Amino acid sequence: MRVAERPAVKVARGDVKLKVKAASINYRDVLIAKAFYPIVYPRIPLSDAVGRVIEVGEGVTRVAVGDRVCATYYR
């Protein structure tokens, strides 16, 4: 695994885009990375993050832009 910047992805219906302030990589992330190797962007092997919502997709009603959130990522 490596840290890298990637181009922004358009937010799809039902998705939320975060500005991540803190994230973790745990053993589950390593297993996912091995299962899906090679990992093709925009798939990101990261499961836990905290930050602020910067964009919401169509149909999202539980959070709004500016909300602080703790997220578990499954995609």
C-alpha atoms as a PDB file:
ATOM      1  CA  MET A   1       0.000   0.000   0.000  1.00  0.00           C
ATOM      2  CA  ARG A   2       1.064   3.574  -0.538  1.00  0.00           C
ATOM      3  CA  VAL A   3      -0.284   7.054   0.062  1.00  0.00           C
ATOM      4  CA  ALA A   4      -1.130   8.926  -3.122  1.00  0.00           C
ATOM      5  CA  GLU A   5      -3.300  11.767  -4.371  1.00  0.00           C
ATOM      6  CA  ARG A   6      -5.972  10.879  -6.905  1.00  0.00           C
ATOM      7  CA  PRO A   7      -8.291  12.964  -9.084  1.00  0.00           C
ATOM      8  CA  ALA A   8     -11.684  13.820  -7.599  1.00  0.00           C
ATOM      9  CA  VAL A   9     -14.535  11.459  -8.421  1.00  0.00           C
ATOM     10  CA  LYS A  10     -18.047  12.738  -9.102  1.00  0.00           C
ATOM     11  CA  VAL A  11     -20.419  11.857  -6.273  1.00  0.00           C
ATOM     12  CA  ALA A  12     -22.952   9.245  -7.371  1.00  0.00           C
ATOM     13  CA  ARG A  13     -26.563   8.902  -6.267  1.00  0.00           C
ATOM     14  CA  GLY A  14     -26.688   7.837  -2.620  1.00  0.00           C
ATOM     15  CA  ASP A  15     -22.981   8.533  -1.991  1.00  0.00           C
ATOM     16  CA  VAL A  16     -21.279  11.050   0.280  1.00  0.00           C
ATOM     17  CA  LYS A  17     -17.866  12.656  -0.241  1.00  0.00           C
ATOM     18  CA  LEU A  18     -15.806  13.434   2.865  1.00  0.00           C
ATOM     19  CA  LYS A  19     -12.811  15.585   3.592  1.00  0.00           C
ATOM     20  CA  VAL A  20     -11.061  13.035   5.781  1.00  0.00           C
ATOM     21  CA  LYS A  21      -9.325  14.338   8.912  1.00  0.00           C
ATOM     22  CA  ALA A  22      -8.215  10.981  10.320  1.00  0.00           C
ATOM     23  CA  ALA A  23      -8.224   7.436   9.001  1.00  0.00           C
ATOM     24  CA  SER A  24      -7.044   4.009  10.009  1.00  0.00           C
ATOM     25  CA  ILE A  25      -5.757   0.959   8.229  1.00  0.00           C
ATOM     26  CA  ASN A  26      -6.508  -2.231  10.109  1.00  0.00           C
ATOM     27  CA  TYR A  27      -6.144  -5.937   9.432  1.00  0.00           C
ATOM     28  CA  ARG A  28      -9.496  -6.090   7.625  1.00  0.00           C
ATOM     29  CA  ASP A  29      -8.177  -3.482   5.149  1.00  0.00           C
ATOM     30  CA  VAL A  30      -5.132  -5.651   4.435  1.00  0.00           C
ATOM     31  CA  LEU A  31      -7.390  -8.668   3.757  1.00  0.00           C
ATOM     32  CA  ILE A  32      -9.569  -6.600   1.410  1.00  0.00           C
ATOM     33  CA  ALA A  33      -6.490  -5.316  -0.419  1.00  0.00           C
ATOM     34  CA  LYS A  34      -5.252  -8.886  -0.920  1.00  0.00           C
ATOM     35  CA  ALA A  35      -8.676 -10.086  -2.091  1.00  0.00           C
ATOM     36  CA  PHE A  36      -9.059  -7.329  -4.700  1.00  0.00           C
ATOM     37  CA  TYR A  37      -5.417  -7.006  -5.821  1.00  0.00           C
ATOM     38  CA  PRO A  38      -4.677  -5.162  -8.007  1.00  0.00           C
ATOM     39  CA  ILE A  39      -6.894  -2.466  -6.535  1.00  0.00           C
ATOM     40  CA  VAL A  40      -8.457  -0.319  -9.236  1.00  0.00           C
ATOM     41  CA  TYR A  41      -9.244   3.301  -8.385  1.00  0.00           C
ATOM     42  CA  PRO A  42     -11.676   4.560  -7.085  1.00  0.00           C
ATOM     43  CA  ARG A  43     -11.693   1.491  -4.822  1.00  0.00           C
ATOM     44  CA  ILE A  44      -9.720   2.488  -1.731  1.00  0.00           C
ATOM     45  CA  PRO A  45      -8.794  -0.103   0.918  1.00  0.00           C
ATOM     46  CA  LEU A  46      -9.729   1.974   3.916  1.00  0.00           C
ATOM     47  CA  SER A  47     -12.533   1.133   6.266  1.00  0.00           C
ATOM     48  CA  ASP A  48     -12.621   3.738   9.032  1.00  0.00           C
ATOM     49  CA  ALA A  49     -12.465   7.520   8.742  1.00  0.00           C
ATOM     50  CA  VAL A  50     -13.661  10.739  10.373  1.00  0.00           C
ATOM     51  CA  GLY A  51     -14.128  14.113   8.741  1.00  0.00           C
ATOM     52  CA  ARG A  52     -16.631  16.571   7.270  1.00  0.00           C
ATOM     53  CA  VAL A  53     -19.149  16.043   4.501  1.00  0.00           C
ATOM     54  CA  ILE A  54     -18.149  18.163   1.483  1.00  0.00           C
ATOM     55  CA  GLU A  55     -20.648  16.853  -1.075  1.00  0.00           C
ATOM     56  CA  VAL A  56     -23.735  14.644  -1.109  1.00  0.00           C
ATOM     57  CA  GLY A  57     -25.220  12.686  -3.985  1.00  0.00           C
ATOM     58  CA  GLU A  58     -28.813  12.738  -5.093  1.00  0.00           C
ATOM     59  CA  GLY A  59     -31.169  11.074  -2.627  1.00  0.00           C
ATOM     60  CA  VAL A  60     -28.940  11.493   0.458  1.00  0.00           C
ATOM     61  CA  THR A  61     -31.034  12.779   3.380  1.00  0.00           C
ATOM     62  CA  ARG A  62     -29.322  11.609   6.594  1.00  0.00           C
ATOM     63  CA  VAL A  63     -26.311  13.948   6.344  1.00  0.00           C
ATOM     64  CA  ALA A  64     -25.678  17.379   4.857  1.00  0.00           C
ATOM     65  CA  VAL A  65     -22.663  19.346   3.641  1.00  0.00           C
ATOM     66  CA  GLY A  66     -20.677  20.506   6.683  1.00  0.00           C
ATOM     67  CA  ASP A  67     -21.757  17.658   8.999  1.00  0.00           C
ATOM     68  CA  ARG A  68     -18.987  15.992  11.002  1.00  0.00           C
ATOM     69  CA  VAL A  69     -19.154  12.230  10.571  1.00  0.00           C
ATOM     70  CA  CYS A  70     -17.497   8.952  11.486  1.00  0.00           C
ATOM     71  CA  ALA A  71     -17.648   6.557   8.574  1.00  0.00           C
ATOM     72  CA  THR A  72     -17.103   2.910   7.793  1.00  0.00           C
ATOM     73  CA  TYR A  73     -16.437   2.402   4.110  1.00  0.00           C
ATOM     74  CA  TYR A  74     -17.731  -0.695   2.328  1.00  0.00           C
ATOM     75  CA  ARG A  75     -17.512  -0.573  -1.455  1.00  0.00           C
END
